[in-house]
């Protein structure tokens, strides 16, 4: 079943070897220009192109350690950036 609002979220406990495999799959998908995520209930396919924005955050706490990796991009951004632009002073 495809999620109609194009949101996908999966949360689960995994061992570090499984996470390494998932990160490897992300690497391959980014290299090919297509990432498909599925958890049995929902599926989403992303096609990252052009320049991607990377954010990495790490936090070490006595109770909780966090590593966040975020990659963002805008669809058809190059098309929007190449549109003609003008400024008028119609007086």
PDB file of N, CA and C in Angstrom:
ATOM      1  N   UNK A   1       0.850  -1.178   0.000  1.00  0.00           N
ATOM      2  CA  UNK A   1       0.000   0.000   0.000  1.00  0.00           C
ATOM      3  C   UNK A   1       0.892   1.235   0.000  1.00  0.00           C
ATOM      4  N   UNK A   2       0.740   2.063  -0.956  1.00  0.00           N
ATOM      5  CA  UNK A   2       1.549   3.269  -1.065  1.00  0.00           C
ATOM      6  C   UNK A   2       0.914   4.384  -0.254  1.00  0.00           C
ATOM      7  N   UNK A   3       1.732   5.040   0.527  1.00  0.00           N
ATOM      8  CA  UNK A   3       1.279   6.144   1.359  1.00  0.00           C
ATOM      9  C   UNK A   3       1.011   7.344   0.458  1.00  0.00           C
ATOM     10  N   UNK A   4      -0.198   7.899   0.481  1.00  0.00           N
ATOM     11  CA  UNK A   4      -0.574   8.948  -0.462  1.00  0.00           C
ATOM     12  C   UNK A   4       0.050  10.304  -0.159  1.00  0.00           C
ATOM     13  N   UNK A   5       0.463  10.552   1.080  1.00  0.00           N
ATOM     14  CA  UNK A   5       1.058  11.853   1.379  1.00  0.00           C
ATOM     15  C   UNK A   5       2.583  11.815   1.288  1.00  0.00           C
ATOM     16  N   UNK A   6       3.128  10.738   0.795  1.00  0.00           N
ATOM     17  CA  UNK A   6       4.547  10.595   0.536  1.00  0.00           C
ATOM     18  C   UNK A   6       5.421  10.675   1.777  1.00  0.00           C
ATOM     19  N   UNK A   7       4.889  10.324   2.931  1.00  0.00           N
ATOM     20  CA  UNK A   7       5.682  10.241   4.157  1.00  0.00           C
ATOM     21  C   UNK A   7       5.976   8.782   4.448  1.00  0.00           C
ATOM     22  N   UNK A   8       7.161   8.519   4.937  1.00  0.00           N
ATOM     23  CA  UNK A   8       7.539   7.171   5.328  1.00  0.00           C
ATOM     24  C   UNK A   8       8.337   7.269   6.606  1.00  0.00           C
ATOM     25  N   UNK A   9       8.024   6.435   7.561  1.00  0.00           N
ATOM     26  CA  UNK A   9       8.782   6.403   8.805  1.00  0.00           C
ATOM     27  C   UNK A   9       8.826   4.965   9.285  1.00  0.00           C
ATOM     28  N   UNK A  10      10.003   4.531   9.669  1.00  0.00           N
ATOM     29  CA  UNK A  10      10.173   3.189  10.222  1.00  0.00           C
ATOM     30  C   UNK A  10      11.042   3.300  11.460  1.00  0.00           C
ATOM     31  N   UNK A  11      10.634   2.651  12.525  1.00  0.00           N
ATOM     32  CA  UNK A  11      11.421   2.615  13.752  1.00  0.00           C
ATOM     33  C   UNK A  11      11.505   1.175  14.216  1.00  0.00           C
ATOM     34  N   UNK A  12      12.711   0.735  14.582  1.00  0.00           N
ATOM     35  CA  UNK A  12      12.885  -0.612  15.100  1.00  0.00           C
ATOM     36  C   UNK A  12      14.254  -0.725  15.757  1.00  0.00           C
ATOM     37  N   UNK A  13      14.415  -1.734  16.564  1.00  0.00           N
ATOM     38  CA  UNK A  13      15.721  -2.039  17.135  1.00  0.00           C
ATOM     39  C   UNK A  13      16.449  -2.961  16.170  1.00  0.00           C
ATOM     40  N   UNK A  14      17.701  -2.629  15.860  1.00  0.00           N
ATOM     41  CA  UNK A  14      18.532  -3.435  14.965  1.00  0.00           C
ATOM     42  C   UNK A  14      19.927  -3.534  15.562  1.00  0.00           C
ATOM     43  N   UNK A  15      20.640  -4.612  15.256  1.00  0.00           N
ATOM     44  CA  UNK A  15      22.033  -4.692  15.694  1.00  0.00           C
ATOM     45  C   UNK A  15      22.903  -3.866  14.744  1.00  0.00           C
ATOM     46  N   UNK A  16      24.116  -3.588  15.150  1.00  0.00           N
ATOM     47  CA  UNK A  16      24.975  -2.689  14.359  1.00  0.00           C
ATOM     48  C   UNK A  16      25.292  -3.273  12.985  1.00  0.00           C
ATOM     49  N   UNK A  17      25.411  -4.600  12.850  1.00  0.00           N
ATOM     50  CA  UNK A  17      25.684  -5.194  11.531  1.00  0.00           C
ATOM     51  C   UNK A  17      24.525  -4.952  10.565  1.00  0.00           C
ATOM     52  N   UNK A  18      23.306  -5.039  11.045  1.00  0.00           N
ATOM     53  CA  UNK A  18      22.140  -4.785  10.201  1.00  0.00           C
ATOM     54  C   UNK A  18      22.110  -3.327   9.766  1.00  0.00           C
ATOM     55  N   UNK A  19      22.450  -2.425  10.672  1.00  0.00           N
ATOM     56  CA  UNK A  19      22.477  -1.001  10.343  1.00  0.00           C
ATOM     57  C   UNK A  19      23.574  -0.716   9.317  1.00  0.00           C
ATOM     58  N   UNK A  20      24.722  -1.378   9.437  1.00  0.00           N
ATOM     59  CA  UNK A  20      25.783  -1.226   8.439  1.00  0.00           C
ATOM     60  C   UNK A  20      25.268  -1.658   7.073  1.00  0.00           C
ATOM     61  N   UNK A  21      24.524  -2.764   7.002  1.00  0.00           N
ATOM     62  CA  UNK A  21      23.943  -3.223   5.737  1.00  0.00           C
ATOM     63  C   UNK A  21      22.946  -2.205   5.182  1.00  0.00           C
ATOM     64  N   UNK A  22      22.133  -1.622   6.053  1.00  0.00           N
ATOM     65  CA  UNK A  22      21.166  -0.614   5.610  1.00  0.00           C
ATOM     66  C   UNK A  22      21.873   0.627   5.076  1.00  0.00           C
ATOM     67  N   UNK A  23      22.927   1.059   5.749  1.00  0.00           N
ATOM     68  CA  UNK A  23      23.682   2.228   5.289  1.00  0.00           C
ATOM     69  C   UNK A  23      24.351   1.923   3.950  1.00  0.00           C
ATOM     70  N   UNK A  24      24.821   0.689   3.775  1.00  0.00           N
ATOM     71  CA  UNK A  24      25.385   0.284   2.492  1.00  0.00           C
ATOM     72  C   UNK A  24      24.328   0.350   1.385  1.00  0.00           C
ATOM     73  N   UNK A  25      23.111  -0.071   1.693  1.00  0.00           N
ATOM     74  CA  UNK A  25      22.015   0.016   0.721  1.00  0.00           C
ATOM     75  C   UNK A  25      21.706   1.469   0.382  1.00  0.00           C
ATOM     76  N   UNK A  26      21.760   2.346   1.377  1.00  0.00           N
ATOM     77  CA  UNK A  26      21.562   3.780   1.123  1.00  0.00           C
ATOM     78  C   UNK A  26      22.643   4.310   0.189  1.00  0.00           C
ATOM     79  N   UNK A  27      23.871   3.891   0.427  1.00  0.00           N
ATOM     80  CA  UNK A  27      24.981   4.306  -0.422  1.00  0.00           C
ATOM     81  C   UNK A  27      24.755   3.862  -1.864  1.00  0.00           C
ATOM     82  N   UNK A  28      24.359   2.626  -2.057  1.00  0.00           N
ATOM     83  CA  UNK A  28      24.121   2.115  -3.405  1.00  0.00           C
ATOM     84  C   UNK A  28      22.960   2.858  -4.075  1.00  0.00           C
ATOM     85  N   UNK A  29      21.897   3.104  -3.312  1.00  0.00           N
ATOM     86  CA  UNK A  29      20.749   3.818  -3.860  1.00  0.00           C
ATOM     87  C   UNK A  29      21.094   5.241  -4.259  1.00  0.00           C
ATOM     88  N   UNK A  30      21.873   5.929  -3.418  1.00  0.00           N
ATOM     89  CA  UNK A  30      22.305   7.287  -3.762  1.00  0.00           C
ATOM     90  C   UNK A  30      23.169   7.271  -5.018  1.00  0.00           C
ATOM     91  N   UNK A  31      24.035   6.276  -5.144  1.00  0.00           N
ATOM     92  CA  UNK A  31      24.886   6.162  -6.327  1.00  0.00           C
ATOM     93  C   UNK A  31      24.067   5.946  -7.590  1.00  0.00           C
ATOM     94  N   UNK A  32      22.984   5.186  -7.471  1.00  0.00           N
ATOM     95  CA  UNK A  32      22.129   4.896  -8.622  1.00  0.00           C
ATOM     96  C   UNK A  32      21.081   5.976  -8.868  1.00  0.00           C
ATOM     97  N   UNK A  33      20.881   6.869  -7.887  1.00  0.00           N
ATOM     98  CA  UNK A  33      19.901   7.938  -8.044  1.00  0.00           C
ATOM     99  C   UNK A  33      18.477   7.531  -7.707  1.00  0.00           C
ATOM    100  N   UNK A  34      18.318   6.429  -6.973  1.00  0.00           N
ATOM    101  CA  UNK A  34      16.969   6.013  -6.581  1.00  0.00           C
ATOM    102  C   UNK A  34      17.032   5.224  -5.280  1.00  0.00           C
ATOM    103  N   UNK A  35      16.193   5.631  -4.340  1.00  0.00           N
ATOM    104  CA  UNK A  35      16.072   4.956  -3.051  1.00  0.00           C
ATOM    105  C   UNK A  35      14.621   4.537  -2.859  1.00  0.00           C
ATOM    106  N   UNK A  36      14.396   3.265  -2.577  1.00  0.00           N
ATOM    107  CA  UNK A  36      13.050   2.787  -2.301  1.00  0.00           C
ATOM    108  C   UNK A  36      13.018   2.236  -0.885  1.00  0.00           C
ATOM    109  N   UNK A  37      12.095   2.769  -0.087  1.00  0.00           N
ATOM    110  CA  UNK A  37      11.929   2.344   1.294  1.00  0.00           C
ATOM    111  C   UNK A  37      10.609   1.602   1.427  1.00  0.00           C
ATOM    112  N   UNK A  38      10.634   0.481   2.132  1.00  0.00           N
ATOM    113  CA  UNK A  38       9.416  -0.301   2.302  1.00  0.00           C
ATOM    114  C   UNK A  38       9.484  -1.036   3.633  1.00  0.00           C
ATOM    115  N   UNK A  39       8.350  -1.109   4.322  1.00  0.00           N
ATOM    116  CA  UNK A  39       8.296  -1.874   5.565  1.00  0.00           C
ATOM    117  C   UNK A  39       7.120  -2.852   5.581  1.00  0.00           C
ATOM    118  N   UNK A  40       6.600  -3.184   4.436  1.00  0.00           N
ATOM    119  CA  UNK A  40       5.472  -4.103   4.360  1.00  0.00           C
ATOM    120  C   UNK A  40       4.137  -3.392   4.291  1.00  0.00           C
ATOM    121  N   UNK A  41       4.003  -2.273   4.967  1.00  0.00           N
ATOM    122  CA  UNK A  41       2.771  -1.494   4.950  1.00  0.00           C
ATOM    123  C   UNK A  41       2.869  -0.305   3.998  1.00  0.00           C
ATOM    124  N   UNK A  42       4.018   0.328   3.963  1.00  0.00           N
ATOM    125  CA  UNK A  42       4.207   1.545   3.175  1.00  0.00           C
ATOM    126  C   UNK A  42       5.449   1.417   2.310  1.00  0.00           C
ATOM    127  N   UNK A  43       5.413   2.083   1.173  1.00  0.00           N
ATOM    128  CA  UNK A  43       6.563   2.135   0.264  1.00  0.00           C
ATOM    129  C   UNK A  43       6.673   3.546  -0.274  1.00  0.00           C
ATOM    130  N   UNK A  44       7.916   4.023  -0.390  1.00  0.00           N
ATOM    131  CA  UNK A  44       8.173   5.318  -1.001  1.00  0.00           C
ATOM    132  C   UNK A  44       9.460   5.217  -1.797  1.00  0.00           C
ATOM    133  N   UNK A  45       9.484   5.834  -2.963  1.00  0.00           N
ATOM    134  CA  UNK A  45      10.683   5.885  -3.798  1.00  0.00           C
ATOM    135  C   UNK A  45      11.099   7.335  -3.950  1.00  0.00           C
ATOM    136  N   UNK A  46      12.358   7.594  -3.657  1.00  0.00           N
ATOM    137  CA  UNK A  46      12.932   8.933  -3.794  1.00  0.00           C
ATOM    138  C   UNK A  46      13.990   8.890  -4.880  1.00  0.00           C
ATOM    139  N   UNK A  47      14.100   9.977  -5.627  1.00  0.00           N
ATOM    140  CA  UNK A  47      15.086  10.068  -6.697  1.00  0.00           C
ATOM    141  C   UNK A  47      15.935  11.321  -6.493  1.00  0.00           C
ATOM    142  N   UNK A  48      16.949  11.206  -5.640  1.00  0.00           N
ATOM    143  CA  UNK A  48      17.796  12.379  -5.379  1.00  0.00           C
ATOM    144  C   UNK A  48      18.638  12.745  -6.596  1.00  0.00           C
ATOM    145  N   UNK A  49      18.591  14.018  -6.960  1.00  0.00           N
ATOM    146  CA  UNK A  49      19.365  14.503  -8.091  1.00  0.00           C
ATOM    147  C   UNK A  49      19.984  15.848  -7.762  1.00  0.00           C
ATOM    148  N   UNK A  50      20.981  16.228  -8.514  1.00  0.00           N
ATOM    149  CA  UNK A  50      21.617  17.526  -8.322  1.00  0.00           C
ATOM    150  C   UNK A  50      22.397  17.573  -7.028  1.00  0.00           C
ATOM    151  N   UNK A  51      22.551  18.768  -6.520  1.00  0.00           N
ATOM    152  CA  UNK A  51      23.265  18.942  -5.258  1.00  0.00           C
ATOM    153  C   UNK A  51      22.368  18.530  -4.100  1.00  0.00           C
ATOM    154  N   UNK A  52      22.926  17.750  -3.196  1.00  0.00           N
ATOM    155  CA  UNK A  52      22.214  17.289  -2.008  1.00  0.00           C
ATOM    156  C   UNK A  52      22.808  18.008  -0.804  1.00  0.00           C
ATOM    157  N   UNK A  53      21.953  18.328   0.144  1.00  0.00           N
ATOM    158  CA  UNK A  53      22.390  19.024   1.359  1.00  0.00           C
ATOM    159  C   UNK A  53      22.544  17.992   2.466  1.00  0.00           C
ATOM    160  N   UNK A  54      23.716  17.919   3.074  1.00  0.00           N
ATOM    161  CA  UNK A  54      24.023  16.928   4.097  1.00  0.00           C
ATOM    162  C   UNK A  54      24.158  17.587   5.463  1.00  0.00           C
ATOM    163  N   UNK A  55      23.471  17.025   6.447  1.00  0.00           N
ATOM    164  CA  UNK A  55      23.594  17.458   7.837  1.00  0.00           C
ATOM    165  C   UNK A  55      23.901  16.236   8.681  1.00  0.00           C
ATOM    166  N   UNK A  56      24.945  16.310   9.497  1.00  0.00           N
ATOM    167  CA  UNK A  56      25.283  15.235  10.423  1.00  0.00           C
ATOM    168  C   UNK A  56      25.352  15.841  11.816  1.00  0.00           C
ATOM    169  N   UNK A  57      24.636  15.229  12.741  1.00  0.00           N
ATOM    170  CA  UNK A  57      24.649  15.674  14.133  1.00  0.00           C
ATOM    171  C   UNK A  57      24.954  14.471  15.021  1.00  0.00           C
ATOM    172  N   UNK A  58      25.799  14.664  16.021  1.00  0.00           N
ATOM    173  CA  UNK A  58      26.107  13.611  16.970  1.00  0.00           C
ATOM    174  C   UNK A  58      26.011  14.187  18.372  1.00  0.00           C
ATOM    175  N   UNK A  59      25.458  13.405  19.286  1.00  0.00           N
ATOM    176  CA  UNK A  59      25.295  13.839  20.661  1.00  0.00           C
ATOM    177  C   UNK A  59      25.601  12.657  21.585  1.00  0.00           C
ATOM    178  N   UNK A  60      26.476  12.892  22.538  1.00  0.00           N
ATOM    179  CA  UNK A  60      26.805  11.863  23.526  1.00  0.00           C
ATOM    180  C   UNK A  60      26.286  12.322  24.882  1.00  0.00           C
ATOM    181  N   UNK A  61      25.434  11.528  25.465  1.00  0.00           N
ATOM    182  CA  UNK A  61      24.819  11.830  26.750  1.00  0.00           C
ATOM    183  C   UNK A  61      25.015  10.611  27.638  1.00  0.00           C
ATOM    184  N   UNK A  62      24.911  10.781  28.934  1.00  0.00           N
ATOM    185  CA  UNK A  62      25.105   9.644  29.838  1.00  0.00           C
ATOM    186  C   UNK A  62      23.999   8.600  29.692  1.00  0.00           C
ATOM    187  N   UNK A  63      22.832   8.997  29.190  1.00  0.00           N
ATOM    188  CA  UNK A  63      21.723   8.055  29.054  1.00  0.00           C
ATOM    189  C   UNK A  63      21.363   7.743  27.605  1.00  0.00           C
ATOM    190  N   UNK A  64      21.584   8.683  26.695  1.00  0.00           N
ATOM    191  CA  UNK A  64      21.168   8.497  25.315  1.00  0.00           C
ATOM    192  C   UNK A  64      22.204   9.093  24.370  1.00  0.00           C
ATOM    193  N   UNK A  65      22.643   8.295  23.413  1.00  0.00           N
ATOM    194  CA  UNK A  65      23.554   8.764  22.378  1.00  0.00           C
ATOM    195  C   UNK A  65      22.780   8.813  21.070  1.00  0.00           C
ATOM    196  N   UNK A  66      23.034   9.856  20.268  1.00  0.00           N
ATOM    197  CA  UNK A  66      22.259  10.052  19.049  1.00  0.00           C
ATOM    198  C   UNK A  66      23.201  10.369  17.895  1.00  0.00           C
ATOM    199  N   UNK A  67      22.940   9.735  16.754  1.00  0.00           N
ATOM    200  CA  UNK A  67      23.580  10.081  15.496  1.00  0.00           C
ATOM    201  C   UNK A  67      22.469  10.327  14.491  1.00  0.00           C
ATOM    202  N   UNK A  68      22.374  11.553  14.011  1.00  0.00           N
ATOM    203  CA  UNK A  68      21.379  11.913  12.998  1.00  0.00           C
ATOM    204  C   UNK A  68      22.104  12.226  11.702  1.00  0.00           C
ATOM    205  N   UNK A  69      21.660  11.601  10.628  1.00  0.00           N
ATOM    206  CA  UNK A  69      22.180  11.881   9.295  1.00  0.00           C
ATOM    207  C   UNK A  69      20.993  12.261   8.436  1.00  0.00           C
ATOM    208  N   UNK A  70      21.060  13.438   7.853  1.00  0.00           N
ATOM    209  CA  UNK A  70      19.945  13.922   7.036  1.00  0.00           C
ATOM    210  C   UNK A  70      20.478  14.379   5.690  1.00  0.00           C
ATOM    211  N   UNK A  71      19.813  13.941   4.643  1.00  0.00           N
ATOM    212  CA  UNK A  71      20.136  14.360   3.282  1.00  0.00           C
ATOM    213  C   UNK A  71      18.866  14.964   2.701  1.00  0.00           C
ATOM    214  N   UNK A  72      18.956  16.194   2.203  1.00  0.00           N
ATOM    215  CA  UNK A  72      17.781  16.854   1.641  1.00  0.00           C
ATOM    216  C   UNK A  72      18.116  17.410   0.259  1.00  0.00           C
ATOM    217  N   UNK A  73      17.081  17.559  -0.553  1.00  0.00           N
ATOM    218  CA  UNK A  73      17.207  18.162  -1.881  1.00  0.00           C
ATOM    219  C   UNK A  73      15.839  18.638  -2.300  1.00  0.00           C
ATOM    220  N   UNK A  74      15.813  19.472  -3.318  1.00  0.00           N
ATOM    221  CA  UNK A  74      14.555  19.980  -3.846  1.00  0.00           C
ATOM    222  C   UNK A  74      14.347  19.430  -5.245  1.00  0.00           C
ATOM    223  N   UNK A  75      13.152  18.912  -5.484  1.00  0.00           N
ATOM    224  CA  UNK A  75      12.808  18.403  -6.805  1.00  0.00           C
ATOM    225  C   UNK A  75      12.782  19.559  -7.800  1.00  0.00           C
ATOM    226  N   UNK A  76      13.292  19.324  -8.968  1.00  0.00           N
ATOM    227  CA  UNK A  76      13.261  20.292 -10.070  1.00  0.00           C
ATOM    228  C   UNK A  76      13.853  21.650  -9.695  1.00  0.00           C
ATOM    229  N   UNK A  77      14.755  21.676  -8.748  1.00  0.00           N
ATOM    230  CA  UNK A  77      15.344  22.944  -8.327  1.00  0.00           C
ATOM    231  C   UNK A  77      16.082  23.624  -9.475  1.00  0.00           C
ATOM    232  N   UNK A  78      16.816  22.844 -10.268  1.00  0.00           N
ATOM    233  CA  UNK A  78      17.575  23.462 -11.359  1.00  0.00           C
ATOM    234  C   UNK A  78      16.637  24.118 -12.372  1.00  0.00           C
ATOM    235  N   UNK A  79      15.470  23.519 -12.586  1.00  0.00           N
ATOM    236  CA  UNK A  79      14.492  24.130 -13.487  1.00  0.00           C
ATOM    237  C   UNK A  79      14.014  25.465 -12.932  1.00  0.00           C
ATOM    238  N   UNK A  80      13.783  25.536 -11.631  1.00  0.00           N
ATOM    239  CA  UNK A  80      13.328  26.787 -11.016  1.00  0.00           C
ATOM    240  C   UNK A  80      14.430  27.834 -11.042  1.00  0.00           C
ATOM    241  N   UNK A  81      15.682  27.404 -10.865  1.00  0.00           N
ATOM    242  CA  UNK A  81      16.788  28.358 -10.845  1.00  0.00           C
ATOM    243  C   UNK A  81      17.093  28.917 -12.228  1.00  0.00           C
ATOM    244  N   UNK A  82      16.711  28.211 -13.275  1.00  0.00           N
ATOM    245  CA  UNK A  82      16.999  28.655 -14.630  1.00  0.00           C
ATOM    246  C   UNK A  82      15.884  29.484 -15.247  1.00  0.00           C
ATOM    247  N   UNK A  83      14.835  29.779 -14.521  1.00  0.00           N
ATOM    248  CA  UNK A  83      13.746  30.588 -15.060  1.00  0.00           C
ATOM    249  C   UNK A  83      14.201  32.041 -15.180  1.00  0.00           C
ATOM    250  N   UNK A  84      13.702  32.737 -16.192  1.00  0.00           N
ATOM    251  CA  UNK A  84      14.070  34.154 -16.362  1.00  0.00           C
ATOM    252  C   UNK A  84      13.628  34.982 -15.155  1.00  0.00           C
ATOM    253  N   UNK A  85      14.420  35.978 -14.854  1.00  0.00           N
ATOM    254  CA  UNK A  85      14.122  36.859 -13.726  1.00  0.00           C
ATOM    255  C   UNK A  85      14.277  38.292 -14.185  1.00  0.00           C
ATOM    256  N   UNK A  86      13.354  39.142 -13.780  1.00  0.00           N
ATOM    257  CA  UNK A  86      13.489  40.554 -14.120  1.00  0.00           C
ATOM    258  C   UNK A  86      12.916  41.407 -12.991  1.00  0.00           C
ATOM    259  N   UNK A  87      13.377  42.628 -12.965  1.00  0.00           N
ATOM    260  CA  UNK A  87      12.891  43.602 -12.000  1.00  0.00           C
ATOM    261  C   UNK A  87      12.411  44.815 -12.788  1.00  0.00           C
ATOM    262  N   UNK A  88      11.240  45.306 -12.449  1.00  0.00           N
ATOM    263  CA  UNK A  88      10.694  46.438 -13.184  1.00  0.00           C
ATOM    264  C   UNK A  88      10.404  47.577 -12.226  1.00  0.00           C
ATOM    265  N   UNK A  89      10.547  48.783 -12.707  1.00  0.00           N
ATOM    266  CA  UNK A  89      10.256  49.965 -11.897  1.00  0.00           C
ATOM    267  C   UNK A  89       9.079  50.729 -12.502  1.00  0.00           C
ATOM    268  N   UNK A  90       8.232  50.058 -13.203  1.00  0.00           N
ATOM    269  CA  UNK A  90       7.089  50.687 -13.904  1.00  0.00           C
ATOM    270  C   UNK A  90       6.575  51.912 -13.140  1.00  0.00           C
ATOM    271  N   UNK A  91       7.018  53.057 -13.614  1.00  0.00           N
ATOM    272  CA  UNK A  91       6.608  54.304 -12.970  1.00  0.00           C
ATOM    273  C   UNK A  91       5.558  55.000 -13.774  1.00  0.00           C
TER     274      UNK A  91
END
